[in-house]
Protein backbone atom coordinates (compact mmCIF):
# COMPACT_ATOMS: atom_id res chain seq x y z
CA UNK A 1 0.00 0.00 0.00
CA UNK A 2 1.20 3.49 -0.73
CA UNK A 3 2.29 5.73 2.13
CA UNK A 4 0.41 8.98 2.71
CA UNK A 5 1.45 12.04 4.71
CA UNK A 6 -1.35 14.30 5.93
CA UNK A 7 0.02 17.75 6.76
CA UNK A 8 -1.29 20.61 8.91
CA UNK A 9 -4.62 19.07 9.92
CA UNK A 10 -6.66 20.12 12.92
CA UNK A 11 -6.65 16.73 14.60
CA UNK A 12 -9.53 15.90 16.95
CA UNK A 13 -8.81 12.85 19.08
CA UNK A 14 -9.08 11.66 22.69
CA UNK A 15 -10.61 14.88 23.98
CA UNK A 16 -8.12 17.23 22.35
CA UNK A 17 -7.90 19.33 19.21
CA UNK A 18 -4.39 20.14 17.93
CA UNK A 19 -2.65 20.98 14.68
CA UNK A 20 -0.71 17.90 13.61
CA UNK A 21 0.62 15.75 10.80
CA UNK A 22 -0.15 12.05 10.37
CA UNK A 23 1.95 9.55 8.43
CA UNK A 24 0.18 6.46 7.11
CA UNK A 25 2.25 3.42 6.10
CA UNK A 26 1.19 -0.15 5.31
CA UNK A 27 -2.40 0.62 6.23
CA UNK A 28 -1.57 1.88 9.70
CA UNK A 29 -0.77 5.12 11.46
CA UNK A 30 3.03 5.29 11.59
CA UNK A 31 3.50 8.72 13.18
CA UNK A 32 1.41 11.49 14.71
CA UNK A 33 3.16 14.78 15.40
CA UNK A 34 4.16 18.17 14.13
CA UNK A 35 6.47 18.87 11.21
CA UNK A 36 6.77 15.24 10.11
CA UNK A 37 9.19 15.25 7.17
CA UNK A 38 9.16 11.60 6.11
CA UNK A 39 9.08 10.72 2.43
CA UNK A 40 5.66 9.48 1.35
CA UNK A 41 4.09 8.37 -1.90
CA UNK A 42 1.41 11.02 -1.50
CA UNK A 43 1.18 14.19 0.59
CA UNK A 44 -2.14 15.86 1.41
CA UNK A 45 -2.15 19.46 2.60
CA UNK A 46 -4.98 19.47 5.14
CA UNK A 47 -4.66 23.13 6.10
CA UNK A 48 -8.12 24.33 7.11
CA UNK A 49 -9.46 20.79 7.45
CA UNK A 50 -10.26 18.73 10.55
CA UNK A 51 -8.94 15.18 10.84
CA UNK A 52 -11.12 12.74 12.78
CA UNK A 53 -10.99 9.01 13.45
CA UNK A 54 -13.29 7.13 11.11
CA UNK A 55 -16.82 6.73 12.41
CA UNK A 56 -17.77 3.26 13.69
CA UNK A 57 -21.50 2.68 13.18
CA UNK A 58 -22.63 -0.15 15.43
CA UNK A 59 -26.06 -0.59 13.86
CA UNK A 60 -26.85 -0.75 10.16
CA UNK A 61 -29.08 -2.82 7.87
CA UNK A 62 -27.44 -3.37 4.48
CA UNK A 63 -30.11 -5.85 3.26
CA UNK A 64 -27.87 -8.51 1.72
CA UNK A 65 -28.58 -11.35 1.18
CA UNK A 66 -32.19 -11.61 0.10
CA UNK A 67 -33.31 -7.98 0.04
CA UNK A 68 -30.90 -6.68 -2.55
CA UNK A 69 -33.59 -4.75 -4.41
CA UNK A 70 -33.35 -2.33 -1.46
CA UNK A 71 -29.59 -2.31 -0.89
CA UNK A 72 -26.43 -4.38 -1.03
CA UNK A 73 -23.43 -4.60 1.23
CA UNK A 74 -21.42 -3.02 -1.56
CA UNK A 75 -23.75 -0.11 -2.28
CA UNK A 76 -24.33 0.86 1.33
CA UNK A 77 -20.66 0.49 2.27
CA UNK A 78 -19.83 3.01 -0.48
CA UNK A 79 -22.41 5.41 0.93
CA UNK A 80 -20.99 4.90 4.41
CA UNK A 81 -17.47 5.72 3.27
CA UNK A 82 -18.70 8.86 1.48
CA UNK A 83 -20.09 9.94 4.84
CA UNK A 84 -16.95 9.26 6.86
CA UNK A 85 -18.12 5.93 8.27
CA UNK A 86 -15.14 3.58 7.97
CA UNK A 87 -16.48 0.59 9.94
CA UNK A 88 -19.95 -0.84 10.42
CA UNK A 89 -21.72 -3.62 12.31
CA UNK A 90 -24.63 -5.04 10.34
CA UNK A 91 -27.82 -6.67 11.55
CA UNK A 92 -28.98 -10.28 10.99
CA UNK A 93 -32.57 -9.72 9.75
CA UNK A 94 -31.69 -10.34 6.11
CA UNK A 95 -33.19 -13.18 4.04
CA UNK A 96 -32.43 -15.76 5.18
CA UNK A 97 -31.85 -14.47 8.70
CA UNK A 98 -28.24 -14.83 9.84
CA UNK A 99 -29.09 -17.33 12.58
CA UNK A 100 -26.61 -20.13 11.84
CA UNK A 101 -22.84 -19.99 11.66
CA UNK A 102 -22.98 -20.92 7.98
CA UNK A 103 -25.41 -18.14 7.10
CA UNK A 104 -23.36 -15.67 9.13
CA UNK A 105 -20.22 -16.67 7.25
CA UNK A 106 -22.02 -16.11 3.94
CA UNK A 107 -22.32 -12.41 4.81
CA UNK A 108 -18.64 -12.15 5.69
CA UNK A 109 -17.80 -13.74 2.35
CA UNK A 110 -19.92 -11.19 0.49
CA UNK A 111 -18.34 -8.29 2.39
CA UNK A 112 -14.82 -9.52 1.71
CA UNK A 113 -15.60 -9.23 -2.00
CA UNK A 114 -17.67 -6.06 -2.08
CA UNK A 115 -17.37 -3.85 1.03
CA UNK A 116 -15.36 -0.65 0.72
CA UNK A 117 -15.68 -0.12 4.49
CA UNK A 118 -14.50 -2.35 7.34
CA UNK A 119 -17.21 -4.73 8.48
CA UNK A 120 -18.66 -7.03 11.08
CA UNK A 121 -21.98 -8.87 11.25
CA UNK A 122 -24.15 -9.76 14.23
CA UNK A 123 -25.25 -13.29 14.95
CA UNK A 124 -29.04 -13.35 15.19
CA UNK A 125 -30.91 -15.00 18.04
CA UNK A 126 -34.27 -16.73 17.74
CA UNK A 127 -36.43 -18.70 20.12
CA UNK A 128 -34.76 -21.94 19.04
CA UNK A 129 -31.16 -21.42 17.88
CA UNK A 130 -29.32 -21.20 21.22
CA UNK A 131 -26.75 -23.84 20.26
CA UNK A 132 -25.80 -21.91 17.12
CA UNK A 133 -25.62 -18.60 19.01
CA UNK A 134 -23.23 -20.09 21.57
CA UNK A 135 -20.85 -21.20 18.82
CA UNK A 136 -20.18 -17.57 17.85
CA UNK A 137 -16.51 -16.58 18.08
CA UNK A 138 -16.17 -13.51 20.35
CA UNK A 139 -12.90 -12.49 18.67
CA UNK A 140 -14.26 -12.31 15.12
CA UNK A 141 -17.95 -11.33 15.51
CA UNK A 142 -19.19 -8.05 16.95
CA UNK A 143 -22.12 -9.39 18.97
CA UNK A 144 -25.42 -11.19 19.28
CA UNK A 145 -28.62 -9.43 18.23
CA UNK A 146 -31.94 -10.05 19.94
CA UNK A 147 -35.20 -8.47 18.79
CA UNK A 148 -37.13 -8.15 22.05
CA UNK A 149 -39.88 -6.55 20.00
CA UNK A 150 -40.53 -7.39 16.36
CA UNK A 151 -39.36 -4.95 13.73
CA UNK A 152 -38.37 -5.96 10.20
CA UNK A 153 -38.37 -9.71 9.67
CA UNK A 154 -39.48 -12.60 11.87
CA UNK A 155 -36.89 -12.65 14.62
CA UNK A 156 -38.94 -11.78 17.69
CA UNK A 157 -37.51 -13.54 20.74
CA UNK A 158 -40.26 -13.74 23.35
CA UNK A 159 -39.54 -17.08 25.02
CA UNK A 160 -38.48 -16.24 28.59
CA UNK A 161 -36.43 -19.42 29.00
CA UNK A 162 -34.54 -18.69 25.78
CA UNK A 163 -33.78 -15.16 26.95
CA UNK A 164 -32.53 -16.46 30.30
CA UNK A 165 -30.25 -18.94 28.53
CA UNK A 166 -28.79 -16.38 26.13
CA UNK A 167 -28.24 -13.75 28.81
CA UNK A 168 -26.60 -16.26 31.16
CA UNK A 169 -24.34 -18.02 28.63
CA UNK A 170 -23.35 -15.49 25.95
CA UNK A 171 -19.63 -14.79 25.76
CA UNK A 172 -19.88 -11.66 23.62
CA UNK A 173 -22.01 -8.51 23.79
CA UNK A 174 -25.76 -8.86 23.46
CA UNK A 175 -27.45 -6.05 21.58
CA UNK A 176 -31.20 -5.67 21.82
CA UNK A 177 -34.07 -3.95 20.05
CA UNK A 178 -36.44 -3.18 22.91
CA UNK A 179 -40.15 -2.61 22.31
CA UNK A 180 -42.85 -4.59 24.08
CA UNK A 181 -44.82 -6.45 21.44
CA UNK A 182 -48.06 -6.84 23.40
CA UNK A 183 -48.21 -3.11 24.18
CA UNK A 184 -47.79 -2.31 20.50
CA UNK A 185 -50.48 -4.78 19.46
CA UNK A 186 -52.92 -3.39 22.02
CA UNK A 187 -52.23 0.16 20.86
CA UNK A 188 -52.57 -0.80 17.20
CA UNK A 189 -56.01 -2.33 17.89
CA UNK A 190 -57.16 0.97 19.39
CA UNK A 191 -56.03 2.98 16.37
CA UNK A 192 -57.44 0.45 13.89
CA UNK A 193 -60.78 0.75 15.64
CA UNK A 194 -60.58 4.54 15.31
CA UNK A 195 -59.15 4.92 11.79
CA UNK A 196 -59.48 1.56 10.02
CA UNK A 197 -56.83 1.28 7.32
CA UNK A 198 -56.23 5.05 7.23
CA UNK A 199 -54.19 5.54 10.41
CA UNK A 200 -52.24 8.81 10.13
CA UNK A 201 -48.48 8.29 10.24
CA UNK A 202 -48.31 10.87 13.01
CA UNK A 203 -49.90 8.22 15.27
CA UNK A 204 -46.80 6.02 14.95
CA UNK A 205 -45.20 7.30 18.19
CA UNK A 206 -48.48 6.75 20.01
CA UNK A 207 -48.71 3.14 18.82
CA UNK A 208 -45.04 2.36 19.47
CA UNK A 209 -45.02 4.52 22.57
CA UNK A 210 -42.92 5.22 25.64
CA UNK A 211 -44.56 2.41 27.59
CA UNK A 212 -43.59 -0.18 24.97
CA UNK A 213 -40.00 1.03 24.94
CA UNK A 214 -39.52 1.31 28.68
CA UNK A 215 -41.19 -2.00 29.52
CA UNK A 216 -38.91 -3.94 27.17
CA UNK A 217 -35.73 -2.04 28.05
CA UNK A 218 -36.46 -2.51 31.74
CA UNK A 219 -36.79 -6.25 31.24
CA UNK A 220 -33.51 -6.42 29.32
CA UNK A 221 -31.67 -4.46 32.01
CA UNK A 222 -33.03 -6.71 34.76
CA UNK A 223 -31.94 -9.82 32.86
CA UNK A 224 -28.48 -8.37 32.36
CA UNK A 225 -28.16 -7.40 36.01
CA UNK A 226 -29.24 -10.88 37.07
CA UNK A 227 -26.65 -12.62 34.89
CA UNK A 228 -23.95 -9.90 34.74
CA UNK A 229 -24.41 -9.88 30.97
CA UNK A 230 -22.60 -7.43 28.69
CA UNK A 231 -25.72 -5.71 27.32
CA UNK A 232 -26.01 -2.90 24.77
CA UNK A 233 -29.49 -1.47 24.18
CA UNK A 234 -29.93 -0.03 20.72
CA UNK A 235 -31.71 3.15 19.55
CA UNK A 236 -33.02 4.56 22.83
CA UNK A 237 -35.88 6.89 21.88
CA UNK A 238 -37.54 8.04 25.12
CA UNK A 239 -36.82 10.27 28.07
CA UNK A 240 -38.16 7.60 30.40
CA UNK A 241 -35.53 5.01 29.45
CA UNK A 242 -32.64 7.26 30.49
CA UNK A 243 -33.20 6.36 34.14
CA UNK A 244 -32.10 2.80 33.34
CA UNK A 245 -28.49 3.80 32.58
CA UNK A 246 -25.51 4.85 34.68
CA UNK A 247 -23.08 7.71 34.20
CA UNK A 248 -21.14 7.41 37.46
CA UNK A 249 -18.52 4.94 36.24
CA UNK A 250 -16.10 4.95 33.30
CA UNK A 251 -17.39 3.51 30.04
CA UNK A 252 -14.84 0.70 30.19
CA UNK A 253 -16.45 -0.52 33.42
CA UNK A 254 -20.06 -0.47 32.28
CA UNK A 255 -21.80 -3.80 31.77
CA UNK A 256 -24.98 -2.14 30.47
CA UNK A 257 -24.67 0.53 27.78
CA UNK A 258 -27.00 2.40 25.45
CA UNK A 259 -27.07 3.87 21.96
CA UNK A 260 -28.89 6.86 20.55
CA UNK A 261 -29.49 7.21 16.82
CA UNK A 262 -29.08 10.37 14.78
CA UNK A 263 -32.73 10.49 13.68
CA UNK A 264 -34.00 10.45 17.25
CA UNK A 265 -31.74 13.41 17.99
CA UNK A 266 -32.69 15.29 14.80
CA UNK A 267 -36.40 14.70 14.10
CA UNK A 268 -39.49 14.88 16.29
CA UNK A 269 -43.21 14.23 15.92
CA UNK A 270 -43.86 17.50 14.07
CA UNK A 271 -41.65 16.33 11.21
CA UNK A 272 -44.23 13.71 10.19
CA UNK A 273 -46.25 16.62 8.77
CA UNK A 274 -43.64 17.22 6.06
CA UNK A 275 -41.78 13.90 5.80
CA UNK A 276 -44.56 11.41 6.54
CA UNK A 277 -43.55 7.78 6.21
CA UNK A 278 -40.01 8.78 5.18
CA UNK A 279 -39.21 8.94 8.90
CA UNK A 280 -41.35 5.99 9.96
CA UNK A 281 -38.95 3.79 11.92
CA UNK A 282 -38.90 1.47 14.92
CA UNK A 283 -38.63 2.70 17.63
CA UNK A 284 -40.62 5.68 16.48
CA UNK A 285 -39.50 9.28 16.24
CA UNK A 286 -41.43 10.78 19.14
CA UNK A 287 -42.41 14.10 20.73
CA UNK A 288 -39.90 16.94 20.99
CA UNK A 289 -39.41 16.41 24.73
CA UNK A 290 -37.76 13.09 23.99
CA UNK A 291 -35.41 14.60 21.44
CA UNK A 292 -34.29 17.21 23.96
CA UNK A 293 -33.89 14.64 26.74
CA UNK A 294 -31.86 12.31 24.52
CA UNK A 295 -29.36 15.05 23.74
CA UNK A 296 -28.99 15.81 27.44
CA UNK A 297 -28.62 12.10 28.17
CA UNK A 298 -25.87 11.93 25.57
CA UNK A 299 -24.03 14.90 27.04
CA UNK A 300 -24.39 13.42 30.52
CA UNK A 301 -22.94 10.06 29.37
CA UNK A 302 -26.06 8.04 30.06
CA UNK A 303 -26.15 7.37 26.32
CA UNK A 304 -22.80 6.04 25.18
CA UNK A 305 -22.82 5.76 21.38
CA UNK A 306 -24.26 7.65 18.40
CA UNK A 307 -25.29 5.36 15.51
CA UNK A 308 -27.75 5.33 12.60
CA UNK A 309 -29.85 2.16 12.38
CA UNK A 310 -29.49 2.80 8.63
CA UNK A 311 -32.40 0.91 7.07
CA UNK A 312 -33.13 1.55 3.38
CA UNK A 313 -36.39 0.74 1.59
CA UNK A 314 -37.48 1.60 -1.94
CA UNK A 315 -39.20 4.96 -2.36
CA UNK A 316 -42.27 3.20 -3.74
CA UNK A 317 -42.47 1.02 -0.63
CA UNK A 318 -42.31 4.03 1.66
CA UNK A 319 -45.20 5.71 -0.19
CA UNK A 320 -47.71 3.11 1.01
CA UNK A 321 -50.28 3.92 3.67
CA UNK A 322 -49.07 3.93 7.25
CA UNK A 323 -49.68 0.26 8.11
CA UNK A 324 -48.03 -1.08 4.95
CA UNK A 325 -45.14 1.37 4.66
CA UNK A 326 -42.02 -0.38 6.00
CA UNK A 327 -40.10 1.09 8.91
CA UNK A 328 -36.57 2.33 8.40
CA UNK A 329 -34.62 5.37 7.20
CA UNK A 330 -31.43 5.55 5.08
CA UNK A 331 -28.97 7.59 7.14
CA UNK A 332 -25.43 6.20 7.10
CA UNK A 333 -24.08 8.65 4.51
CA UNK A 334 -25.14 11.75 6.39
CA UNK A 335 -24.81 10.87 10.09
CA UNK A 336 -21.47 12.62 10.54
CA UNK A 337 -22.73 15.75 8.77
CA UNK A 338 -25.85 15.70 10.95
CA UNK A 339 -23.77 15.68 14.11
CA UNK A 340 -21.40 18.32 12.72
CA UNK A 341 -24.51 20.53 12.47
CA UNK A 342 -25.00 20.01 16.19
CA UNK A 343 -21.40 21.12 16.67
CA UNK A 344 -22.01 24.25 14.62
CA UNK A 345 -25.15 24.97 16.64
CA UNK A 346 -23.22 24.69 19.91
CA UNK A 347 -25.17 21.61 21.06
CA UNK A 348 -22.14 19.32 20.97
CA UNK A 349 -18.39 19.80 20.94
CA UNK A 350 -16.25 18.22 18.26
CA UNK A 351 -14.41 16.30 20.95
CA UNK A 352 -17.65 14.89 22.39
CA UNK A 353 -18.91 13.98 18.94
CA UNK A 354 -15.71 12.05 18.20
CA UNK A 355 -15.97 10.33 21.57
CA UNK A 356 -19.50 9.10 20.88
CA UNK A 357 -19.11 8.17 17.20
CA UNK A 358 -15.54 6.83 17.13
CA UNK A 359 -13.97 6.10 20.52
CA UNK A 360 -16.99 4.75 22.40
CA UNK A 361 -17.99 2.07 19.85
CA UNK A 362 -14.39 0.83 19.87
CA UNK A 363 -14.46 0.62 23.67
CA UNK A 364 -17.90 -0.98 23.95
CA UNK A 365 -17.20 -3.70 21.43
CA UNK A 366 -13.48 -4.09 22.21
CA UNK A 367 -12.62 -3.33 18.58
CA UNK A 368 -8.98 -4.11 17.93
CA UNK A 369 -6.76 -1.17 16.93
CA UNK A 370 -9.47 1.14 15.61
CA UNK A 371 -11.47 4.14 16.75
CA UNK A 372 -8.51 6.38 17.62
CA UNK A 373 -5.72 8.24 15.87
CA UNK A 374 -2.82 6.43 17.50
CA UNK A 375 0.49 5.13 16.16
CA UNK A 376 0.15 1.44 15.35
CA UNK A 377 -3.62 1.60 14.89
CA UNK A 378 -5.28 1.03 11.53
CA UNK A 379 -5.53 4.28 9.58
CA UNK A 380 -9.30 4.80 9.59
CA UNK A 381 -9.42 8.56 9.10
CA UNK A 382 -11.75 11.28 7.86
CA UNK A 383 -10.96 14.80 6.71
CA UNK A 384 -13.83 17.29 6.93
CA UNK A 385 -14.20 20.89 5.86
CA UNK A 386 -16.35 22.60 8.48
CA UNK A 387 -16.75 25.67 6.29
CA UNK A 388 -17.82 24.10 3.01
CA UNK A 389 -21.62 23.72 2.58
CA UNK A 390 -22.95 20.50 1.10
CA UNK A 391 -26.41 20.21 -0.47
CA UNK A 392 -27.85 16.70 -0.59
CA UNK A 393 -29.19 15.64 -3.98
CA UNK A 394 -29.91 12.41 -5.84
CA UNK A 395 -26.66 12.92 -7.73
CA UNK A 396 -24.54 12.78 -4.57
CA UNK A 397 -26.56 10.22 -2.59
CA UNK A 398 -25.11 6.74 -2.95
CA UNK A 399 -27.75 4.49 -1.41
CA UNK A 400 -29.17 1.90 -3.78
CA UNK A 401 -32.70 3.00 -2.77
CA UNK A 402 -31.83 6.39 -4.32
CA UNK A 403 -33.47 8.70 -1.78
CA UNK A 404 -32.74 10.45 1.49
CA UNK A 405 -34.95 12.41 3.89
CA UNK A 406 -32.30 15.13 3.54
CA UNK A 407 -32.66 15.61 -0.21
CA UNK A 408 -32.47 19.38 -0.81
CA UNK A 409 -31.06 20.05 2.66
CA UNK A 410 -27.75 21.92 2.92
CA UNK A 411 -25.33 20.82 5.62
CA UNK A 412 -22.66 23.24 6.76
CA UNK A 413 -19.80 20.74 6.45
CA UNK A 414 -18.37 18.47 3.77
CA UNK A 415 -16.52 15.16 4.09
CA UNK A 416 -13.55 15.54 1.75
CA UNK A 417 -11.40 12.42 2.30
CA UNK A 418 -12.05 9.01 3.87
CA UNK A 419 -9.26 6.52 4.59
CA UNK A 420 -10.23 2.90 5.27
CA UNK A 421 -7.46 0.77 6.78
CA UNK A 422 -4.93 3.10 5.20
CA UNK A 423 -6.55 3.10 1.78
CA UNK A 424 -7.72 6.48 0.50
CA UNK A 425 -11.15 5.21 -0.50
CA UNK A 426 -12.99 8.50 -1.11
CA UNK A 427 -11.93 11.98 -2.20
CA UNK A 428 -14.40 14.76 -2.94
CA UNK A 429 -17.06 12.60 -4.56
CA UNK A 430 -14.73 10.06 -6.21
CA UNK A 431 -14.23 6.50 -4.98
CA UNK A 432 -11.15 4.28 -5.25
CA UNK A 433 -12.44 0.72 -5.00
CA UNK A 434 -9.13 -0.98 -5.75
CA UNK A 435 -9.03 -2.29 -2.17
CA UNK A 436 -11.72 -3.61 0.15
CA UNK A 437 -12.25 -2.96 3.82
CA UNK A 438 -11.03 -5.32 6.52
CA UNK A 439 -12.96 -7.64 8.81
CA UNK A 440 -13.13 -6.14 12.30
CA UNK A 441 -11.48 -8.10 15.08
CA UNK A 442 -12.19 -7.86 18.80
CA UNK A 443 -10.00 -8.16 21.91
CA UNK A 444 -12.14 -10.24 24.27
């Protein structure tokens, strides 16, 4: 691999922002310092640009295998890299569901051939695949995924004995989607009685409400406390759930952690009026009080990670009436720009943003040699121009589904360069796909 010297960048890493140079050799960070004068195959003058660790997104749905009319690992990995996301962890509710070691390996094989970004894939749990789940290698797989509330697919785990077994025996992190299924069904019956087949999409947060979220999250936390399980609860969407999480110990010591997604920080119930089913997702985007509380929970370190839950569907599918429109929003390309807007608005510091999008996922999942700008670590790096506006259009959106809820929106920042494992994979709208990303490894 060619060596690259990045000069005069404003480097944001480990709580500090300094002007520095970075030398990349053989895919890794060789030196970090000032006035590095080493010979390199390529030199990039990053004056006026900020250099960040690559974003690690711990929750995406890339739809392959089986749902490739919506997306592929290759297409969505390209979009991720264009947005500064250098590593992702992808969910098992593809077709077939990744619920055996053989089916899980199939996804790794596809990624090795097609993924521009670094990758890992969750092993899916069902009510009857405990033996397969327990075969999962903790050093080569990011985690186990349990749907404790049905979402997309048929992976609802509601057998209490199965949950007890998984929580007591798992040797790698358990990630959970938490919404109480019975609460949702009861609420849906009420709204069907009132509206028939014409339920307004704005009722979505009332059907998949705070009670459903809290009840399921509470159960997961109690199971984890009982068995001392390493538990990570995905896409927290309510103010009420924040009371379940601690902020009085270092992240490295937490056994129970939580994620917030960019859309729950950005949108609220009023946005259904203009975006409709475009922002229909599970858990639902809810009232503005939740959005405000989630940001405060993030700043207070009750919420540990910022992710996307990137979940593309075809535009035509999303135009169906509320009940038939699938849940999920394509977000992985614009998550970093979304959070850079929060920085510009004074809601978040650059250092805190990097902590939550880069450092914390590496800590929570014990990702080997990634998530930081450190000598010896893999060179997963992003250069951003905080003063260059970027207007989202179909021409510069790389999802296979070919739409974004941000189409026409102008962000205040632009991702200019993305390095994946030392490979300069993206520069100002152009991709270099001569190398693929690497499989993530984990120190457990």
